[in-house]
Each structure stands twice: as structure tokens, then as C-alpha cells.
């Protein structure tokens, strides 16, 4: 079996640490027991230094033997197809998982990320607040009725949705107890804790190396 290689930046500032999206792929591999290694591209010059692998200069991207792919969502779907722990093999369970993965990316994250950017940039009139609040309120209704999004168990859809929702400013934007309990339940899994700790350790080590180099 070919080794999975997850690519991320060699270093990032402190703010994004623990949220860089290679964590999603690390987490999925930990859940499924898939062996992997982590390699890096330089953060400095990232806009142009790996465009042949990722045309927008982002991370993560993934190697699986001769297969090369970018975008965390695409990588998660690829990993889910390798192991039933991440996605059921029956047609209904698989369809539910895929639809909720796309929901996390296209319906929730599509509004939470620009909303967050406006918030941290000090925008006084964040016109996306109402839109995001409506989406999160609708999701709260769903999570009031179930513990997991698909197939009555943890799947990669929960991994992805929880990673979108765990951003502190998003969590604190309203009173949604079912959503809060859901994020806690998903991120309390040992696989998430290990993936996050490994990513943080990676960037702390990089910080120490940069400091030592002056």
C-alpha cells in the first residue's frame, strides 16, 4: 500500500495554528488508522512557490502513490473511500455522508469564513451576520434531532462540519446548545486531539527553528 503524504506549510503565524486545514486530513487518517507522513512547502513565498501542485498557493494537498490532489474536501472524500470508518459503503449511508460534507463546505463554511474575516478585520457593519445566523439556526434544528449528521454514526461529514464550527468566534455568535454539544462531542475524539496536537507541535518546532536561525 502506498504511503499517504499530507502537505502543509513549514510554518505559520500563531493565529492559524490548530486550524490550518491539513489538520482535517491528519484527523481523518488518525480516525481510519491510515499511515501517513507530513511534508512541507515554505510559507514564505506561498503565493507562487507551489502553484504546480496547488494553483491557488494553498494547503493542504495530498499524495497517494501516483495520485496527487488538492483541496481538503477532495482529500477527505478520497480518504473516506479508502476506509469504512469514515464513510459507510451502503448507497444510502454514502449519499448522506457526501451530502453533509458538501453542506459543510458550500452552505456553512461558505458564509462563516467571510463573516469571520470581516469580524477580525474590525468591520463595524458585518452584513453577513444575518445570513450566517440563519444558516446556523437551521443547522441547530437538525442537531437537536440527531447526534450525527449521517448514517446514525460518526462519519467524515461530522469531522468536516465540526472543524468548520469549532472556530471560537463562530461558536460564540449565538446561543445554540445542540451545536455546542455536537462540536464538543466530535472534537473530544482521541483522533482529533492527536491530529491537533501534532499540528501544533509541528508549528512550534518550526517557530523554534526560525528563532534559532535569527
N, C-alpha and C. Protein backbone atom coordinates (compact mmCIF):
# COMPACT_ATOMS: atom_id res chain seq x y z
N UNK A 1 0.85 -1.19 0.00
CA UNK A 1 0.00 0.00 0.00
C UNK A 1 0.89 1.24 0.00
N UNK A 2 0.58 2.18 -0.85
CA UNK A 2 1.39 3.39 -0.95
C UNK A 2 1.19 4.27 0.28
N UNK A 3 2.22 5.00 0.62
CA UNK A 3 2.15 5.87 1.79
C UNK A 3 1.42 7.16 1.44
N UNK A 4 0.53 7.56 2.30
CA UNK A 4 -0.13 8.84 2.15
C UNK A 4 0.81 9.95 2.62
N UNK A 5 0.89 11.01 1.85
CA UNK A 5 1.70 12.17 2.23
C UNK A 5 0.79 13.39 2.26
N UNK A 6 0.73 14.03 3.41
CA UNK A 6 -0.05 15.25 3.59
C UNK A 6 0.91 16.42 3.57
N UNK A 7 0.63 17.39 2.71
CA UNK A 7 1.49 18.56 2.57
C UNK A 7 0.87 19.77 3.26
N UNK A 8 1.71 20.48 4.02
CA UNK A 8 1.27 21.70 4.69
C UNK A 8 2.39 22.73 4.61
N UNK A 9 2.21 23.86 5.28
CA UNK A 9 3.27 24.87 5.32
C UNK A 9 4.34 24.48 6.33
N UNK A 10 5.56 24.97 6.10
CA UNK A 10 6.63 24.70 7.05
C UNK A 10 6.46 25.49 8.34
N UNK A 11 5.70 26.59 8.28
CA UNK A 11 5.50 27.48 9.43
C UNK A 11 4.30 28.36 9.13
N UNK A 12 3.57 28.74 10.17
CA UNK A 12 2.53 29.77 10.05
C UNK A 12 2.57 30.63 11.30
N UNK A 13 2.06 31.86 11.26
CA UNK A 13 1.94 32.66 12.49
C UNK A 13 1.08 31.96 13.52
N UNK A 14 1.10 32.45 14.74
CA UNK A 14 0.42 31.75 15.84
C UNK A 14 -1.10 31.67 15.65
N UNK A 15 -1.71 32.69 15.10
CA UNK A 15 -3.16 32.72 14.98
C UNK A 15 -3.78 31.51 14.30
N UNK A 16 -3.29 31.10 13.12
CA UNK A 16 -3.91 29.97 12.42
C UNK A 16 -3.53 28.59 12.96
N UNK A 17 -2.58 28.52 13.85
CA UNK A 17 -2.13 27.20 14.31
C UNK A 17 -3.28 26.45 14.99
N UNK A 18 -3.41 25.21 14.65
CA UNK A 18 -4.53 24.43 15.13
C UNK A 18 -5.74 24.49 14.22
N UNK A 19 -5.66 25.35 13.17
CA UNK A 19 -6.77 25.49 12.24
C UNK A 19 -6.36 25.33 10.78
N UNK A 20 -5.06 25.24 10.51
CA UNK A 20 -4.62 25.02 9.14
C UNK A 20 -5.22 23.69 8.66
N UNK A 21 -5.71 23.65 7.44
CA UNK A 21 -6.61 22.57 7.06
C UNK A 21 -5.94 21.24 6.76
N UNK A 22 -4.64 21.18 6.82
CA UNK A 22 -4.02 19.85 6.81
C UNK A 22 -4.49 19.04 8.01
N UNK A 23 -4.95 19.73 9.06
CA UNK A 23 -5.46 19.04 10.23
C UNK A 23 -6.62 18.12 9.87
N UNK A 24 -7.46 18.53 8.93
CA UNK A 24 -8.59 17.70 8.52
C UNK A 24 -8.12 16.35 7.98
N UNK A 25 -7.07 16.38 7.19
CA UNK A 25 -6.56 15.14 6.60
C UNK A 25 -5.83 14.30 7.65
N UNK A 26 -5.08 14.95 8.53
CA UNK A 26 -4.43 14.23 9.63
C UNK A 26 -5.50 13.52 10.48
N UNK A 27 -6.55 14.26 10.81
CA UNK A 27 -7.63 13.74 11.64
C UNK A 27 -8.28 12.52 10.99
N UNK A 28 -8.58 12.63 9.71
CA UNK A 28 -9.21 11.51 9.00
C UNK A 28 -8.30 10.28 9.01
N UNK A 29 -7.03 10.48 8.78
CA UNK A 29 -6.09 9.36 8.79
C UNK A 29 -6.02 8.72 10.17
N UNK A 30 -6.03 9.55 11.21
CA UNK A 30 -5.99 9.01 12.57
C UNK A 30 -7.26 8.21 12.86
N UNK A 31 -8.40 8.72 12.44
CA UNK A 31 -9.67 8.01 12.66
C UNK A 31 -9.64 6.64 11.99
N UNK A 32 -9.14 6.60 10.77
CA UNK A 32 -9.19 5.38 9.96
C UNK A 32 -8.00 4.47 10.16
N UNK A 33 -7.01 4.91 10.91
CA UNK A 33 -5.81 4.10 11.08
C UNK A 33 -4.97 4.01 9.82
N UNK A 34 -5.00 5.06 9.02
CA UNK A 34 -4.24 5.08 7.77
C UNK A 34 -2.86 5.69 8.03
N UNK A 35 -1.81 5.00 7.62
CA UNK A 35 -0.47 5.52 7.79
C UNK A 35 -0.23 6.73 6.89
N UNK A 36 0.48 7.72 7.41
CA UNK A 36 0.75 8.92 6.62
C UNK A 36 1.99 9.61 7.15
N UNK A 37 2.54 10.46 6.31
CA UNK A 37 3.62 11.34 6.74
C UNK A 37 3.25 12.76 6.34
N UNK A 38 3.94 13.73 6.92
CA UNK A 38 3.67 15.14 6.65
C UNK A 38 4.92 15.77 6.06
N UNK A 39 4.74 16.46 4.94
CA UNK A 39 5.83 17.21 4.32
C UNK A 39 5.38 18.65 4.14
N UNK A 40 6.34 19.50 3.82
CA UNK A 40 6.03 20.93 3.84
C UNK A 40 6.48 21.67 2.59
N UNK A 41 5.82 22.79 2.38
CA UNK A 41 6.25 23.80 1.43
C UNK A 41 6.46 25.09 2.21
N UNK A 42 7.32 25.98 1.75
CA UNK A 42 7.59 27.19 2.52
C UNK A 42 6.37 28.11 2.61
N UNK A 43 6.13 28.63 3.81
CA UNK A 43 5.09 29.63 3.99
C UNK A 43 5.48 30.92 3.29
N UNK A 44 6.73 31.30 3.42
CA UNK A 44 7.22 32.49 2.74
C UNK A 44 7.25 32.21 1.24
N UNK A 45 6.63 33.07 0.48
CA UNK A 45 6.55 32.88 -0.96
C UNK A 45 5.47 31.91 -1.39
N UNK A 46 4.53 31.62 -0.48
CA UNK A 46 3.50 30.61 -0.75
C UNK A 46 2.59 30.97 -1.93
N UNK A 47 2.50 32.26 -2.25
CA UNK A 47 1.63 32.65 -3.36
C UNK A 47 2.08 32.07 -4.69
N UNK A 48 3.38 31.75 -4.79
CA UNK A 48 3.90 31.28 -6.08
C UNK A 48 4.77 30.04 -5.99
N UNK A 49 5.16 29.59 -4.79
CA UNK A 49 6.20 28.56 -4.72
C UNK A 49 5.70 27.13 -4.91
N UNK A 50 4.39 26.91 -4.98
CA UNK A 50 3.92 25.55 -5.24
C UNK A 50 2.67 25.54 -6.12
N UNK A 51 2.62 26.46 -7.06
CA UNK A 51 1.45 26.56 -7.93
C UNK A 51 1.28 25.35 -8.84
N UNK A 52 2.35 24.62 -9.08
CA UNK A 52 2.21 23.42 -9.91
C UNK A 52 1.44 22.33 -9.19
N UNK A 53 1.40 22.40 -7.86
CA UNK A 53 0.67 21.41 -7.06
C UNK A 53 -0.68 21.93 -6.59
N UNK A 54 -0.76 23.23 -6.34
CA UNK A 54 -1.99 23.83 -5.84
C UNK A 54 -2.11 25.20 -6.51
N UNK A 55 -2.99 25.34 -7.49
CA UNK A 55 -2.99 26.53 -8.33
C UNK A 55 -3.35 27.82 -7.62
N UNK A 56 -3.76 27.75 -6.33
CA UNK A 56 -4.07 28.95 -5.58
C UNK A 56 -3.07 29.19 -4.44
N UNK A 57 -2.01 28.40 -4.41
CA UNK A 57 -0.97 28.59 -3.42
C UNK A 57 -1.39 28.22 -2.01
N UNK A 58 -2.36 27.34 -1.87
CA UNK A 58 -2.87 26.96 -0.55
C UNK A 58 -2.38 25.58 -0.13
N UNK A 59 -2.69 25.22 1.11
CA UNK A 59 -2.53 23.86 1.61
C UNK A 59 -3.84 23.46 2.25
N UNK A 60 -4.08 22.16 2.40
CA UNK A 60 -3.18 21.05 2.11
C UNK A 60 -3.33 20.54 0.69
N UNK A 61 -2.37 19.69 0.32
CA UNK A 61 -2.58 18.79 -0.81
C UNK A 61 -2.05 17.43 -0.41
N UNK A 62 -2.41 16.42 -1.20
CA UNK A 62 -2.26 15.04 -0.76
C UNK A 62 -1.63 14.19 -1.85
N UNK A 63 -0.70 13.33 -1.46
CA UNK A 63 -0.16 12.29 -2.34
C UNK A 63 -0.64 10.93 -1.86
N UNK A 64 -1.08 10.11 -2.80
CA UNK A 64 -1.38 8.72 -2.50
C UNK A 64 -0.81 7.91 -3.66
N UNK A 65 0.46 7.50 -3.54
CA UNK A 65 1.15 6.88 -4.66
C UNK A 65 1.29 7.88 -5.79
N UNK A 66 0.84 7.51 -6.97
CA UNK A 66 0.92 8.40 -8.13
C UNK A 66 -0.18 9.45 -8.14
N UNK A 67 -1.18 9.28 -7.30
CA UNK A 67 -2.28 10.23 -7.25
C UNK A 67 -1.86 11.48 -6.49
N UNK A 68 -2.18 12.63 -7.06
CA UNK A 68 -1.94 13.91 -6.41
C UNK A 68 -3.23 14.72 -6.45
N UNK A 69 -3.60 15.30 -5.32
CA UNK A 69 -4.83 16.08 -5.31
C UNK A 69 -4.74 17.19 -4.28
N UNK A 70 -5.52 18.27 -4.52
CA UNK A 70 -5.56 19.38 -3.58
C UNK A 70 -7.00 19.61 -3.16
N UNK A 71 -7.18 20.51 -2.21
CA UNK A 71 -8.43 20.85 -1.52
C UNK A 71 -8.73 19.83 -0.42
N UNK A 72 -8.94 20.35 0.78
CA UNK A 72 -9.16 19.47 1.93
C UNK A 72 -10.42 18.63 1.76
N UNK A 73 -11.47 19.19 1.18
CA UNK A 73 -12.69 18.42 0.98
C UNK A 73 -12.48 17.25 0.03
N UNK A 74 -11.77 17.49 -1.05
CA UNK A 74 -11.48 16.42 -2.00
C UNK A 74 -10.61 15.35 -1.36
N UNK A 75 -9.63 15.79 -0.57
CA UNK A 75 -8.77 14.84 0.12
C UNK A 75 -9.54 14.00 1.12
N UNK A 76 -10.46 14.63 1.84
CA UNK A 76 -11.28 13.88 2.79
C UNK A 76 -12.15 12.84 2.09
N UNK A 77 -12.73 13.21 0.97
CA UNK A 77 -13.56 12.26 0.24
C UNK A 77 -12.72 11.08 -0.25
N UNK A 78 -11.51 11.36 -0.71
CA UNK A 78 -10.62 10.29 -1.16
C UNK A 78 -10.30 9.35 0.00
N UNK A 79 -9.97 9.91 1.15
CA UNK A 79 -9.65 9.08 2.31
C UNK A 79 -10.87 8.29 2.79
N UNK A 80 -12.04 8.91 2.72
CA UNK A 80 -13.26 8.23 3.15
C UNK A 80 -13.56 7.01 2.28
N UNK A 81 -13.19 7.10 1.02
CA UNK A 81 -13.41 5.96 0.12
C UNK A 81 -12.43 4.82 0.40
N UNK A 82 -11.40 5.08 1.19
CA UNK A 82 -10.43 4.05 1.50
C UNK A 82 -10.79 3.28 2.76
N UNK A 83 -11.70 3.83 3.59
CA UNK A 83 -11.94 3.18 4.87
C UNK A 83 -13.38 3.42 5.33
N UNK A 84 -14.05 2.34 5.69
CA UNK A 84 -15.46 2.41 6.06
C UNK A 84 -15.69 3.14 7.38
N UNK A 85 -14.66 3.30 8.18
CA UNK A 85 -14.82 4.06 9.42
C UNK A 85 -15.20 5.51 9.13
N UNK A 86 -14.80 5.99 7.96
CA UNK A 86 -15.07 7.38 7.60
C UNK A 86 -16.35 7.56 6.80
N UNK A 87 -16.74 6.53 6.06
CA UNK A 87 -17.95 6.64 5.24
C UNK A 87 -18.53 5.26 4.99
N UNK A 88 -19.83 5.06 5.25
CA UNK A 88 -20.43 3.75 5.02
C UNK A 88 -20.32 3.33 3.56
N UNK A 89 -20.41 2.02 3.34
CA UNK A 89 -20.33 1.50 1.98
C UNK A 89 -21.71 1.28 1.35
N UNK A 90 -22.77 1.33 2.16
CA UNK A 90 -24.08 1.18 1.55
C UNK A 90 -24.46 2.48 0.84
N UNK A 91 -25.22 2.41 -0.26
CA UNK A 91 -25.51 3.60 -1.07
C UNK A 91 -26.18 4.74 -0.28
N UNK A 92 -27.09 4.41 0.62
CA UNK A 92 -27.79 5.45 1.37
C UNK A 92 -26.83 6.15 2.33
N UNK A 93 -26.07 5.38 3.09
CA UNK A 93 -25.13 5.96 4.03
C UNK A 93 -24.07 6.80 3.35
N UNK A 94 -23.59 6.31 2.21
CA UNK A 94 -22.58 7.07 1.47
C UNK A 94 -23.17 8.37 0.94
N UNK A 95 -24.38 8.32 0.41
CA UNK A 95 -25.01 9.52 -0.13
C UNK A 95 -25.24 10.55 0.97
N UNK A 96 -25.70 10.11 2.14
CA UNK A 96 -25.91 11.02 3.25
C UNK A 96 -24.60 11.68 3.68
N UNK A 97 -23.55 10.88 3.73
CA UNK A 97 -22.25 11.41 4.14
C UNK A 97 -21.76 12.47 3.15
N UNK A 98 -21.84 12.17 1.88
CA UNK A 98 -21.38 13.12 0.87
C UNK A 98 -22.20 14.40 0.89
N UNK A 99 -23.52 14.27 1.04
CA UNK A 99 -24.34 15.48 1.02
C UNK A 99 -24.02 16.39 2.20
N UNK A 100 -23.72 15.81 3.36
CA UNK A 100 -23.40 16.64 4.51
C UNK A 100 -21.98 17.19 4.45
N UNK A 101 -21.08 16.48 3.79
CA UNK A 101 -19.75 17.06 3.53
C UNK A 101 -19.89 18.31 2.68
N UNK A 102 -20.67 18.22 1.63
CA UNK A 102 -20.86 19.37 0.74
C UNK A 102 -21.60 20.49 1.45
N UNK A 103 -22.54 20.11 2.33
CA UNK A 103 -23.22 21.13 3.13
C UNK A 103 -22.24 21.90 4.00
N UNK A 104 -21.33 21.18 4.64
CA UNK A 104 -20.33 21.84 5.49
C UNK A 104 -19.52 22.86 4.70
N UNK A 105 -19.14 22.50 3.48
CA UNK A 105 -18.30 23.37 2.66
C UNK A 105 -19.08 24.46 1.96
N UNK A 106 -20.21 24.11 1.35
CA UNK A 106 -20.92 25.04 0.47
C UNK A 106 -21.99 25.86 1.17
N UNK A 107 -22.56 25.34 2.25
CA UNK A 107 -23.65 26.05 2.92
C UNK A 107 -23.19 26.73 4.20
N UNK A 108 -22.33 26.08 4.96
CA UNK A 108 -21.90 26.64 6.24
C UNK A 108 -20.58 27.40 6.11
N UNK A 109 -19.53 26.73 5.67
CA UNK A 109 -18.22 27.39 5.61
C UNK A 109 -18.20 28.53 4.61
N UNK A 110 -19.02 28.44 3.58
CA UNK A 110 -19.06 29.50 2.58
C UNK A 110 -19.42 30.84 3.19
N UNK A 111 -20.20 30.83 4.27
CA UNK A 111 -20.57 32.10 4.92
C UNK A 111 -19.77 32.35 6.19
N UNK A 112 -19.37 31.29 6.93
CA UNK A 112 -18.65 31.53 8.17
C UNK A 112 -17.26 32.12 7.94
N UNK A 113 -16.59 31.70 6.90
CA UNK A 113 -15.23 32.20 6.66
C UNK A 113 -15.24 33.69 6.30
N UNK A 114 -16.04 34.14 5.32
CA UNK A 114 -16.05 35.59 5.07
C UNK A 114 -16.59 36.40 6.25
N UNK A 115 -17.57 35.84 6.99
CA UNK A 115 -18.06 36.53 8.18
C UNK A 115 -16.93 36.70 9.19
N UNK A 116 -16.17 35.63 9.44
CA UNK A 116 -15.06 35.70 10.38
C UNK A 116 -14.02 36.72 9.93
N UNK A 117 -13.73 36.74 8.63
CA UNK A 117 -12.73 37.68 8.12
C UNK A 117 -13.15 39.12 8.37
N UNK A 118 -14.43 39.42 8.14
CA UNK A 118 -14.91 40.78 8.39
C UNK A 118 -14.86 41.11 9.88
N UNK A 119 -15.17 40.13 10.72
CA UNK A 119 -15.13 40.35 12.16
C UNK A 119 -13.72 40.70 12.64
N UNK A 120 -12.75 39.92 12.25
CA UNK A 120 -11.39 40.14 12.74
C UNK A 120 -10.75 41.37 12.10
N UNK A 121 -11.28 41.78 10.96
CA UNK A 121 -10.74 42.99 10.32
C UNK A 121 -11.35 44.26 10.90
N UNK A 122 -12.28 44.12 11.85
CA UNK A 122 -12.86 45.27 12.52
C UNK A 122 -14.00 45.92 11.78
N UNK A 123 -14.60 45.21 10.84
CA UNK A 123 -15.73 45.75 10.09
C UNK A 123 -16.91 45.97 11.04
N UNK A 124 -17.34 47.25 11.18
CA UNK A 124 -18.39 47.56 12.14
C UNK A 124 -19.76 47.04 11.71
N UNK A 125 -20.04 47.10 10.43
CA UNK A 125 -21.33 46.65 9.93
C UNK A 125 -21.13 45.39 9.09
N UNK A 126 -21.09 44.26 9.78
CA UNK A 126 -20.84 43.00 9.09
C UNK A 126 -22.16 42.50 8.51
N UNK A 127 -22.36 42.75 7.23
CA UNK A 127 -23.61 42.41 6.59
C UNK A 127 -23.87 40.93 6.44
N UNK A 128 -22.88 40.09 6.78
CA UNK A 128 -23.06 38.65 6.66
C UNK A 128 -23.62 38.02 7.93
N UNK A 129 -23.75 38.81 9.00
CA UNK A 129 -24.16 38.24 10.29
C UNK A 129 -25.53 37.59 10.22
N UNK A 130 -26.48 38.26 9.59
CA UNK A 130 -27.83 37.71 9.49
C UNK A 130 -27.86 36.43 8.68
N UNK A 131 -27.14 36.42 7.59
CA UNK A 131 -27.07 35.24 6.72
C UNK A 131 -26.47 34.06 7.48
N UNK A 132 -25.35 34.31 8.16
CA UNK A 132 -24.71 33.24 8.90
C UNK A 132 -25.61 32.76 10.04
N UNK A 133 -26.21 33.69 10.75
CA UNK A 133 -27.08 33.31 11.85
C UNK A 133 -28.22 32.43 11.40
N UNK A 134 -28.80 32.74 10.26
CA UNK A 134 -29.88 31.93 9.73
C UNK A 134 -29.43 30.51 9.41
N UNK A 135 -28.25 30.39 8.79
CA UNK A 135 -27.72 29.07 8.45
C UNK A 135 -27.44 28.26 9.72
N UNK A 136 -26.85 28.90 10.71
CA UNK A 136 -26.51 28.19 11.94
C UNK A 136 -27.77 27.82 12.73
N UNK A 137 -28.78 28.68 12.67
CA UNK A 137 -30.04 28.35 13.34
C UNK A 137 -30.70 27.14 12.70
N UNK A 138 -30.65 27.07 11.38
CA UNK A 138 -31.23 25.91 10.70
C UNK A 138 -30.46 24.63 11.03
N UNK A 139 -29.13 24.75 11.11
CA UNK A 139 -28.32 23.59 11.49
C UNK A 139 -28.61 23.18 12.93
N UNK A 140 -28.84 24.15 13.80
CA UNK A 140 -29.18 23.85 15.19
C UNK A 140 -30.43 22.96 15.27
N UNK A 141 -31.40 23.24 14.43
CA UNK A 141 -32.61 22.41 14.42
C UNK A 141 -32.30 20.97 14.03
N UNK A 142 -31.41 20.80 13.08
CA UNK A 142 -31.01 19.45 12.68
C UNK A 142 -30.32 18.74 13.84
N UNK A 143 -29.39 19.44 14.49
CA UNK A 143 -28.60 18.81 15.54
C UNK A 143 -29.40 18.61 16.83
N UNK A 144 -30.54 19.27 16.94
CA UNK A 144 -31.44 19.00 18.06
C UNK A 144 -32.07 17.62 17.95
N UNK A 145 -32.07 17.07 16.75
CA UNK A 145 -32.79 15.82 16.49
C UNK A 145 -31.88 14.62 16.28
N UNK A 146 -30.57 14.84 16.24
CA UNK A 146 -29.66 13.71 15.99
C UNK A 146 -28.29 14.00 16.58
N UNK A 147 -27.55 12.94 16.87
CA UNK A 147 -26.18 13.09 17.37
C UNK A 147 -25.17 13.23 16.24
N UNK A 148 -25.47 12.58 15.11
CA UNK A 148 -24.54 12.55 13.98
C UNK A 148 -25.29 12.96 12.71
N UNK A 149 -24.57 13.48 11.74
CA UNK A 149 -25.22 14.00 10.54
C UNK A 149 -25.69 12.92 9.60
N UNK A 150 -24.97 11.81 9.52
CA UNK A 150 -25.27 10.79 8.51
C UNK A 150 -25.13 9.39 9.10
N UNK A 151 -25.96 8.48 8.64
CA UNK A 151 -25.82 7.05 8.91
C UNK A 151 -25.90 6.67 10.39
N UNK A 152 -26.41 7.57 11.23
CA UNK A 152 -26.56 7.31 12.67
C UNK A 152 -25.24 6.98 13.35
N UNK A 153 -24.14 7.52 12.83
CA UNK A 153 -22.84 7.30 13.47
C UNK A 153 -21.86 8.36 12.99
N UNK A 154 -20.71 8.41 13.64
CA UNK A 154 -19.66 9.34 13.20
C UNK A 154 -19.20 8.99 11.79
N UNK A 155 -19.10 10.00 10.95
CA UNK A 155 -18.53 9.86 9.61
C UNK A 155 -17.64 11.07 9.33
N UNK A 156 -17.02 11.05 8.18
CA UNK A 156 -16.18 12.17 7.78
C UNK A 156 -16.99 13.46 7.63
N UNK A 157 -18.31 13.34 7.45
CA UNK A 157 -19.15 14.54 7.41
C UNK A 157 -19.13 15.27 8.75
N UNK A 158 -19.13 14.51 9.84
CA UNK A 158 -19.04 15.13 11.17
C UNK A 158 -17.67 15.75 11.39
N UNK A 159 -16.64 15.08 10.95
CA UNK A 159 -15.29 15.62 11.04
C UNK A 159 -15.23 16.99 10.38
N UNK A 160 -15.75 17.07 9.17
CA UNK A 160 -15.67 18.31 8.40
C UNK A 160 -16.55 19.39 9.00
N UNK A 161 -17.79 19.04 9.35
CA UNK A 161 -18.70 20.04 9.91
C UNK A 161 -18.19 20.58 11.24
N UNK A 162 -17.70 19.70 12.11
CA UNK A 162 -17.18 20.14 13.40
C UNK A 162 -15.97 21.04 13.23
N UNK A 163 -15.13 20.74 12.24
CA UNK A 163 -13.95 21.59 12.02
C UNK A 163 -14.37 22.98 11.57
N UNK A 164 -15.43 23.07 10.78
CA UNK A 164 -15.94 24.37 10.38
C UNK A 164 -16.51 25.12 11.58
N UNK A 165 -17.23 24.42 12.44
CA UNK A 165 -17.96 25.06 13.54
C UNK A 165 -17.11 25.35 14.76
N UNK A 166 -15.92 24.74 14.89
CA UNK A 166 -15.17 24.89 16.13
C UNK A 166 -14.44 26.23 16.24
N UNK A 167 -14.46 27.05 15.20
CA UNK A 167 -13.85 28.38 15.27
C UNK A 167 -14.54 29.17 16.38
N UNK A 168 -13.77 29.71 17.30
CA UNK A 168 -14.35 30.27 18.53
C UNK A 168 -15.33 31.40 18.25
N UNK A 169 -15.03 32.28 17.31
CA UNK A 169 -15.95 33.38 17.03
C UNK A 169 -17.27 32.88 16.46
N UNK A 170 -17.21 31.82 15.68
CA UNK A 170 -18.45 31.24 15.14
C UNK A 170 -19.26 30.63 16.28
N UNK A 171 -18.60 29.88 17.16
CA UNK A 171 -19.31 29.24 18.28
C UNK A 171 -19.96 30.25 19.20
N UNK A 172 -19.32 31.40 19.37
CA UNK A 172 -19.82 32.39 20.33
C UNK A 172 -20.79 33.38 19.71
N UNK A 173 -21.16 33.17 18.45
CA UNK A 173 -22.00 34.15 17.76
C UNK A 173 -23.48 34.03 18.12
N UNK A 174 -23.87 33.02 18.88
CA UNK A 174 -25.27 32.85 19.27
C UNK A 174 -25.40 31.71 20.25
N UNK A 175 -26.59 31.58 20.82
CA UNK A 175 -26.85 30.52 21.79
C UNK A 175 -27.46 29.33 21.07
N UNK A 176 -26.63 28.33 20.79
CA UNK A 176 -27.07 27.14 20.06
C UNK A 176 -26.54 25.91 20.80
N UNK A 177 -27.24 25.49 21.84
CA UNK A 177 -26.72 24.41 22.71
C UNK A 177 -26.52 23.09 22.00
N UNK A 178 -27.38 22.73 21.06
CA UNK A 178 -27.21 21.46 20.36
C UNK A 178 -25.94 21.47 19.51
N UNK A 179 -25.68 22.61 18.89
CA UNK A 179 -24.47 22.75 18.09
C UNK A 179 -23.24 22.71 18.97
N UNK A 180 -23.29 23.40 20.11
CA UNK A 180 -22.15 23.40 21.04
C UNK A 180 -21.86 21.99 21.53
N UNK A 181 -22.91 21.24 21.86
CA UNK A 181 -22.71 19.86 22.33
C UNK A 181 -22.15 18.99 21.22
N UNK A 182 -22.60 19.22 20.02
CA UNK A 182 -22.12 18.45 18.86
C UNK A 182 -20.63 18.69 18.64
N UNK A 183 -20.21 19.94 18.63
CA UNK A 183 -18.80 20.25 18.42
C UNK A 183 -17.95 19.63 19.52
N UNK A 184 -18.42 19.74 20.76
CA UNK A 184 -17.69 19.13 21.88
C UNK A 184 -17.59 17.62 21.70
N UNK A 185 -18.69 16.98 21.32
CA UNK A 185 -18.71 15.53 21.15
C UNK A 185 -17.73 15.08 20.07
N UNK A 186 -17.70 15.79 18.96
CA UNK A 186 -16.85 15.38 17.84
C UNK A 186 -15.37 15.67 18.13
N UNK A 187 -15.09 16.83 18.70
CA UNK A 187 -13.70 17.20 18.94
C UNK A 187 -13.13 16.57 20.21
N UNK A 188 -13.96 15.84 20.96
CA UNK A 188 -13.46 15.10 22.11
C UNK A 188 -12.89 13.75 21.70
N UNK A 189 -12.97 13.42 20.44
CA UNK A 189 -12.45 12.14 19.96
C UNK A 189 -10.91 12.15 20.02
N UNK A 190 -10.31 11.05 20.45
CA UNK A 190 -8.84 11.00 20.55
C UNK A 190 -8.13 11.32 19.24
N UNK A 191 -8.74 10.96 18.13
CA UNK A 191 -8.10 11.21 16.83
C UNK A 191 -7.96 12.70 16.56
N UNK A 192 -8.99 13.48 16.92
CA UNK A 192 -8.88 14.94 16.75
C UNK A 192 -7.80 15.50 17.65
N UNK A 193 -7.81 15.08 18.91
CA UNK A 193 -6.83 15.61 19.85
C UNK A 193 -5.41 15.33 19.39
N UNK A 194 -5.18 14.14 18.88
CA UNK A 194 -3.84 13.80 18.41
C UNK A 194 -3.47 14.62 17.17
N UNK A 195 -4.39 14.73 16.22
CA UNK A 195 -4.11 15.47 15.00
C UNK A 195 -3.82 16.94 15.31
N UNK A 196 -4.59 17.52 16.20
CA UNK A 196 -4.38 18.93 16.56
C UNK A 196 -3.05 19.10 17.30
N UNK A 197 -2.78 18.21 18.25
CA UNK A 197 -1.53 18.30 18.99
C UNK A 197 -0.33 18.15 18.06
N UNK A 198 -0.42 17.25 17.10
CA UNK A 198 0.68 17.05 16.16
C UNK A 198 0.89 18.29 15.29
N UNK A 199 -0.21 18.89 14.86
CA UNK A 199 -0.05 20.10 14.05
C UNK A 199 0.56 21.23 14.86
N UNK A 200 0.09 21.42 16.07
CA UNK A 200 0.65 22.47 16.92
C UNK A 200 2.12 22.23 17.19
N UNK A 201 2.48 20.99 17.45
CA UNK A 201 3.89 20.66 17.71
C UNK A 201 4.75 20.95 16.47
N UNK A 202 4.21 20.67 15.31
CA UNK A 202 4.91 20.94 14.06
C UNK A 202 5.23 22.42 13.92
N UNK A 203 4.26 23.27 14.19
CA UNK A 203 4.48 24.70 14.01
C UNK A 203 5.30 25.30 15.14
N UNK A 204 5.19 24.75 16.35
CA UNK A 204 6.04 25.21 17.45
C UNK A 204 7.51 24.89 17.15
N UNK A 205 7.77 23.70 16.66
CA UNK A 205 9.14 23.33 16.29
C UNK A 205 9.67 24.24 15.20
N UNK A 206 8.80 24.57 14.24
CA UNK A 206 9.22 25.47 13.17
C UNK A 206 9.54 26.86 13.71
N UNK A 207 8.76 27.32 14.67
CA UNK A 207 8.99 28.62 15.29
C UNK A 207 10.36 28.63 15.99
N UNK A 208 10.66 27.55 16.69
CA UNK A 208 11.93 27.47 17.40
C UNK A 208 13.10 27.46 16.42
N UNK A 209 12.92 26.78 15.30
CA UNK A 209 13.99 26.73 14.29
C UNK A 209 14.22 28.10 13.67
N UNK A 210 13.13 28.82 13.39
CA UNK A 210 13.25 30.17 12.83
C UNK A 210 13.93 31.10 13.81
N UNK A 211 13.57 30.97 15.09
CA UNK A 211 14.18 31.85 16.10
C UNK A 211 15.67 31.56 16.24
N UNK A 212 16.02 30.28 16.20
CA UNK A 212 17.42 29.91 16.35
C UNK A 212 18.25 30.39 15.15
N UNK A 213 17.59 30.44 13.99
CA UNK A 213 18.30 30.90 12.78
C UNK A 213 18.40 32.41 12.71
N UNK A 214 17.71 33.09 13.62
CA UNK A 214 17.77 34.54 13.67
C UNK A 214 16.83 35.17 12.69
